[in-house]
C-alpha cells in the first residue's frame, strides 16, 4: 500500500478544490495529466504558498510553453491554477 496521498485539497481564490493525481486538467489549449506534487509556489492570488504539480502533456505543447518543459517532459503548474480550472468544470482555456 502506497502511503503517499493521491488527492490534495488545494486553495485557490474561490475557496478550495480537490486535485487528484492521475486526473486531467485543460490548460493552455491542451490536456495535462496531473502527475505528482512538486513543492510550493508563492501564489499571486494572496493565498500564500500553494502546492505545485508536475503535469504531463497529453498533446503537442504550445510554443509559448515549450521553454518550461523539464528534462523529464513535465511542466510544473501552480496548484491554484489547476484547482481553479477544475472548479470551473475544466473548460477550454
N, C-alpha and C. Protein backbone atom coordinates (compact mmCIF):
# COMPACT_ATOMS: atom_id res chain seq x y z
N UNK A 1 0.84 -1.17 0.00
CA UNK A 1 0.00 0.00 0.00
C UNK A 1 0.89 1.25 0.00
N UNK A 2 0.58 2.18 -0.88
CA UNK A 2 1.37 3.40 -1.02
C UNK A 2 0.92 4.41 0.03
N UNK A 3 1.82 4.84 0.94
CA UNK A 3 1.42 5.79 1.99
C UNK A 3 1.28 7.24 1.51
N UNK A 4 1.73 7.53 0.29
CA UNK A 4 1.65 8.90 -0.21
C UNK A 4 0.22 9.23 -0.62
N UNK A 5 -0.25 10.43 -0.30
CA UNK A 5 -1.61 10.81 -0.72
C UNK A 5 -1.69 10.99 -2.23
N UNK A 6 -2.87 10.75 -2.79
CA UNK A 6 -3.06 10.98 -4.22
C UNK A 6 -4.14 12.02 -4.48
N UNK A 7 -4.64 12.63 -3.41
CA UNK A 7 -5.61 13.72 -3.56
C UNK A 7 -5.25 14.82 -2.57
N UNK A 8 -5.34 16.06 -3.05
CA UNK A 8 -4.94 17.21 -2.25
C UNK A 8 -6.04 18.26 -2.32
N UNK A 9 -6.39 18.84 -1.18
CA UNK A 9 -7.38 19.91 -1.11
C UNK A 9 -6.62 21.22 -1.31
N UNK A 10 -6.66 21.78 -2.52
CA UNK A 10 -5.80 22.90 -2.89
C UNK A 10 -6.57 24.22 -2.85
N UNK A 11 -6.05 25.21 -2.13
CA UNK A 11 -6.72 26.52 -2.09
C UNK A 11 -6.53 27.28 -3.41
N UNK A 12 -7.55 28.05 -3.74
CA UNK A 12 -7.49 28.97 -4.88
C UNK A 12 -8.37 30.15 -4.50
N UNK A 13 -8.47 31.15 -5.35
CA UNK A 13 -9.17 32.38 -4.97
C UNK A 13 -10.65 32.17 -4.64
N UNK A 14 -11.25 31.08 -5.10
CA UNK A 14 -12.67 30.81 -4.82
C UNK A 14 -12.90 29.86 -3.66
N UNK A 15 -11.86 29.46 -2.96
CA UNK A 15 -12.00 28.53 -1.84
C UNK A 15 -10.96 27.42 -1.93
N UNK A 16 -11.41 26.17 -1.90
CA UNK A 16 -10.53 25.01 -2.04
C UNK A 16 -11.20 24.03 -3.00
N UNK A 17 -10.36 23.27 -3.70
CA UNK A 17 -10.88 22.26 -4.61
C UNK A 17 -9.94 21.06 -4.61
N UNK A 18 -10.49 19.83 -4.65
CA UNK A 18 -9.61 18.66 -4.68
C UNK A 18 -8.88 18.53 -6.01
N UNK A 19 -7.61 18.21 -5.91
CA UNK A 19 -6.77 17.92 -7.08
C UNK A 19 -6.25 16.50 -6.88
N UNK A 20 -6.53 15.63 -7.85
CA UNK A 20 -6.15 14.22 -7.75
C UNK A 20 -5.04 13.90 -8.73
N UNK A 21 -4.05 13.17 -8.27
CA UNK A 21 -3.01 12.69 -9.17
C UNK A 21 -3.66 11.73 -10.15
N UNK A 22 -3.29 11.84 -11.42
CA UNK A 22 -3.86 10.98 -12.44
C UNK A 22 -5.05 11.57 -13.17
N UNK A 23 -5.61 12.66 -12.67
CA UNK A 23 -6.72 13.29 -13.39
C UNK A 23 -6.17 14.26 -14.42
N UNK A 24 -7.01 14.66 -15.35
CA UNK A 24 -6.55 15.59 -16.37
C UNK A 24 -7.14 16.98 -16.14
N UNK A 25 -6.38 17.97 -16.59
CA UNK A 25 -6.79 19.36 -16.50
C UNK A 25 -6.46 20.02 -17.84
N UNK A 26 -7.32 20.90 -18.29
CA UNK A 26 -7.11 21.59 -19.57
C UNK A 26 -6.51 22.96 -19.29
N UNK A 27 -5.26 23.16 -19.74
CA UNK A 27 -4.54 24.42 -19.55
C UNK A 27 -3.79 24.75 -20.83
N UNK A 28 -3.80 26.00 -21.21
CA UNK A 28 -3.06 26.47 -22.38
C UNK A 28 -3.41 25.70 -23.65
N UNK A 29 -4.67 25.32 -23.78
CA UNK A 29 -5.14 24.70 -25.01
C UNK A 29 -4.94 23.20 -25.15
N UNK A 30 -4.33 22.55 -24.16
CA UNK A 30 -4.18 21.09 -24.23
C UNK A 30 -4.52 20.47 -22.88
N UNK A 31 -4.71 19.16 -22.89
CA UNK A 31 -4.95 18.43 -21.65
C UNK A 31 -3.62 18.01 -21.04
N UNK A 32 -3.58 18.05 -19.72
CA UNK A 32 -2.39 17.66 -18.96
C UNK A 32 -2.78 16.60 -17.94
N UNK A 33 -1.95 15.60 -17.77
CA UNK A 33 -2.13 14.60 -16.72
C UNK A 33 -1.43 15.12 -15.47
N UNK A 34 -2.15 15.23 -14.39
CA UNK A 34 -1.55 15.68 -13.13
C UNK A 34 -0.75 14.51 -12.58
N UNK A 35 0.57 14.65 -12.60
CA UNK A 35 1.47 13.53 -12.35
C UNK A 35 1.92 13.41 -10.89
N UNK A 36 2.45 14.47 -10.32
CA UNK A 36 2.94 14.40 -8.94
C UNK A 36 3.11 15.80 -8.37
N UNK A 37 3.05 15.92 -7.02
CA UNK A 37 3.31 17.22 -6.40
C UNK A 37 4.77 17.60 -6.58
N UNK A 38 5.04 18.91 -6.60
CA UNK A 38 6.40 19.37 -6.86
C UNK A 38 6.91 20.36 -5.83
N UNK A 39 6.18 20.61 -4.79
CA UNK A 39 6.62 21.60 -3.81
C UNK A 39 5.58 22.69 -3.70
N UNK A 40 6.04 23.91 -3.45
CA UNK A 40 5.13 25.04 -3.24
C UNK A 40 5.58 26.24 -4.04
N UNK A 41 4.60 27.02 -4.50
CA UNK A 41 4.82 28.29 -5.18
C UNK A 41 4.25 29.39 -4.32
N UNK A 42 4.79 30.60 -4.47
CA UNK A 42 4.10 31.78 -3.95
C UNK A 42 2.90 31.99 -4.86
N UNK A 43 1.74 32.23 -4.30
CA UNK A 43 0.53 32.40 -5.09
C UNK A 43 0.19 33.87 -5.27
N UNK A 44 0.02 34.31 -6.51
CA UNK A 44 -0.34 35.70 -6.75
C UNK A 44 -1.75 36.05 -6.30
N UNK A 45 -2.55 35.06 -5.96
CA UNK A 45 -3.92 35.34 -5.53
C UNK A 45 -3.99 35.59 -4.02
N UNK A 46 -2.85 35.87 -3.40
CA UNK A 46 -2.76 36.23 -1.98
C UNK A 46 -3.18 35.12 -1.03
N UNK A 47 -3.07 33.88 -1.48
CA UNK A 47 -3.41 32.75 -0.63
C UNK A 47 -2.20 32.35 0.23
N UNK A 48 -1.03 32.73 -0.22
CA UNK A 48 0.21 32.29 0.42
C UNK A 48 0.83 31.21 -0.44
N UNK A 49 1.61 30.33 0.15
CA UNK A 49 2.22 29.24 -0.61
C UNK A 49 1.19 28.22 -1.02
N UNK A 50 1.23 27.79 -2.27
CA UNK A 50 0.29 26.81 -2.80
C UNK A 50 1.09 25.69 -3.44
N UNK A 51 0.61 24.46 -3.29
CA UNK A 51 1.28 23.32 -3.90
C UNK A 51 1.41 23.52 -5.40
N UNK A 52 2.50 23.02 -5.95
CA UNK A 52 2.66 22.97 -7.39
C UNK A 52 2.65 21.50 -7.80
N UNK A 53 2.34 21.25 -9.07
CA UNK A 53 2.23 19.88 -9.56
C UNK A 53 2.96 19.75 -10.89
N UNK A 54 3.66 18.62 -11.05
CA UNK A 54 4.27 18.27 -12.33
C UNK A 54 3.17 17.65 -13.18
N UNK A 55 3.03 18.16 -14.40
CA UNK A 55 1.99 17.69 -15.30
C UNK A 55 2.61 17.19 -16.60
N UNK A 56 2.03 16.13 -17.15
CA UNK A 56 2.50 15.53 -18.39
C UNK A 56 1.56 15.99 -19.51
N UNK A 57 2.10 16.54 -20.60
CA UNK A 57 1.23 16.97 -21.70
C UNK A 57 0.62 15.77 -22.42
N UNK A 58 -0.67 15.89 -22.75
CA UNK A 58 -1.36 14.85 -23.50
C UNK A 58 -1.66 15.36 -24.91
N UNK A 59 -0.71 16.03 -25.47
CA UNK A 59 -0.82 16.62 -26.80
C UNK A 59 0.43 17.43 -27.06
N UNK A 60 0.45 18.11 -28.19
CA UNK A 60 1.59 18.94 -28.53
C UNK A 60 1.63 20.17 -27.62
N UNK A 61 2.77 20.41 -27.01
CA UNK A 61 2.95 21.56 -26.13
C UNK A 61 2.99 22.83 -26.98
N UNK A 62 2.17 23.83 -26.63
CA UNK A 62 2.20 25.09 -27.39
C UNK A 62 3.59 25.73 -27.32
N UNK A 63 3.97 26.44 -28.36
CA UNK A 63 5.29 27.06 -28.41
C UNK A 63 5.52 28.03 -27.25
N UNK A 64 4.45 28.64 -26.73
CA UNK A 64 4.58 29.57 -25.61
C UNK A 64 4.93 28.87 -24.30
N UNK A 65 4.76 27.56 -24.26
CA UNK A 65 5.02 26.78 -23.04
C UNK A 65 6.31 25.96 -23.17
N UNK A 66 6.82 25.76 -24.38
CA UNK A 66 7.98 24.90 -24.60
C UNK A 66 9.15 25.20 -23.69
N UNK A 67 9.40 26.47 -23.40
CA UNK A 67 10.54 26.84 -22.57
C UNK A 67 10.43 26.31 -21.13
N UNK A 68 9.23 25.92 -20.71
CA UNK A 68 9.02 25.45 -19.34
C UNK A 68 9.05 23.93 -19.21
N UNK A 69 9.20 23.22 -20.31
CA UNK A 69 9.21 21.76 -20.27
C UNK A 69 10.52 21.29 -19.63
N UNK A 70 10.39 20.48 -18.60
CA UNK A 70 11.55 19.93 -17.89
C UNK A 70 12.16 18.77 -18.69
N UNK A 71 13.33 18.33 -18.28
CA UNK A 71 14.01 17.22 -18.96
C UNK A 71 13.17 15.95 -18.99
N UNK A 72 12.34 15.76 -17.98
CA UNK A 72 11.50 14.55 -17.93
C UNK A 72 10.21 14.71 -18.73
N UNK A 73 10.03 15.84 -19.40
CA UNK A 73 8.86 16.07 -20.23
C UNK A 73 7.69 16.72 -19.51
N UNK A 74 7.82 16.96 -18.22
CA UNK A 74 6.73 17.57 -17.46
C UNK A 74 6.85 19.09 -17.44
N UNK A 75 5.75 19.71 -17.08
CA UNK A 75 5.71 21.15 -16.85
C UNK A 75 5.12 21.34 -15.46
N UNK A 76 5.70 22.23 -14.67
CA UNK A 76 5.21 22.49 -13.32
C UNK A 76 4.18 23.62 -13.39
N UNK A 77 2.99 23.32 -12.86
CA UNK A 77 1.93 24.33 -12.78
C UNK A 77 1.61 24.60 -11.32
N UNK A 78 1.26 25.84 -11.03
CA UNK A 78 0.85 26.23 -9.70
C UNK A 78 -0.51 25.59 -9.39
N UNK A 79 -0.63 25.04 -8.19
CA UNK A 79 -1.85 24.33 -7.81
C UNK A 79 -3.10 25.17 -7.82
N UNK A 80 -2.99 26.48 -7.52
CA UNK A 80 -4.22 27.28 -7.52
C UNK A 80 -4.77 27.45 -8.94
N UNK A 81 -3.90 27.45 -9.94
CA UNK A 81 -4.35 27.49 -11.33
C UNK A 81 -5.11 26.21 -11.67
N UNK A 82 -4.56 25.08 -11.27
CA UNK A 82 -5.20 23.79 -11.52
C UNK A 82 -6.53 23.70 -10.78
N UNK A 83 -6.53 24.05 -9.49
CA UNK A 83 -7.75 23.96 -8.69
C UNK A 83 -8.85 24.85 -9.25
N UNK A 84 -8.50 26.07 -9.64
CA UNK A 84 -9.49 26.99 -10.20
C UNK A 84 -10.07 26.44 -11.49
N UNK A 85 -9.23 25.88 -12.34
CA UNK A 85 -9.70 25.33 -13.61
C UNK A 85 -10.63 24.14 -13.37
N UNK A 86 -10.27 23.26 -12.46
CA UNK A 86 -11.12 22.11 -12.16
C UNK A 86 -12.44 22.54 -11.53
N UNK A 87 -12.39 23.55 -10.66
CA UNK A 87 -13.61 24.04 -10.01
C UNK A 87 -14.58 24.65 -11.02
N UNK A 88 -14.05 25.21 -12.10
CA UNK A 88 -14.90 25.80 -13.15
C UNK A 88 -15.42 24.74 -14.11
N UNK A 89 -15.11 23.49 -13.89
CA UNK A 89 -15.58 22.44 -14.77
C UNK A 89 -14.64 22.12 -15.91
N UNK A 90 -13.42 22.65 -15.84
CA UNK A 90 -12.35 22.32 -16.78
C UNK A 90 -12.67 22.76 -18.22
N UNK A 91 -13.14 24.00 -18.43
CA UNK A 91 -13.44 24.44 -19.80
C UNK A 91 -12.15 24.66 -20.60
N UNK A 92 -12.29 24.77 -21.92
CA UNK A 92 -11.13 25.05 -22.76
C UNK A 92 -10.58 26.40 -22.34
N UNK A 93 -9.26 26.49 -22.18
CA UNK A 93 -8.64 27.68 -21.60
C UNK A 93 -7.48 28.12 -22.41
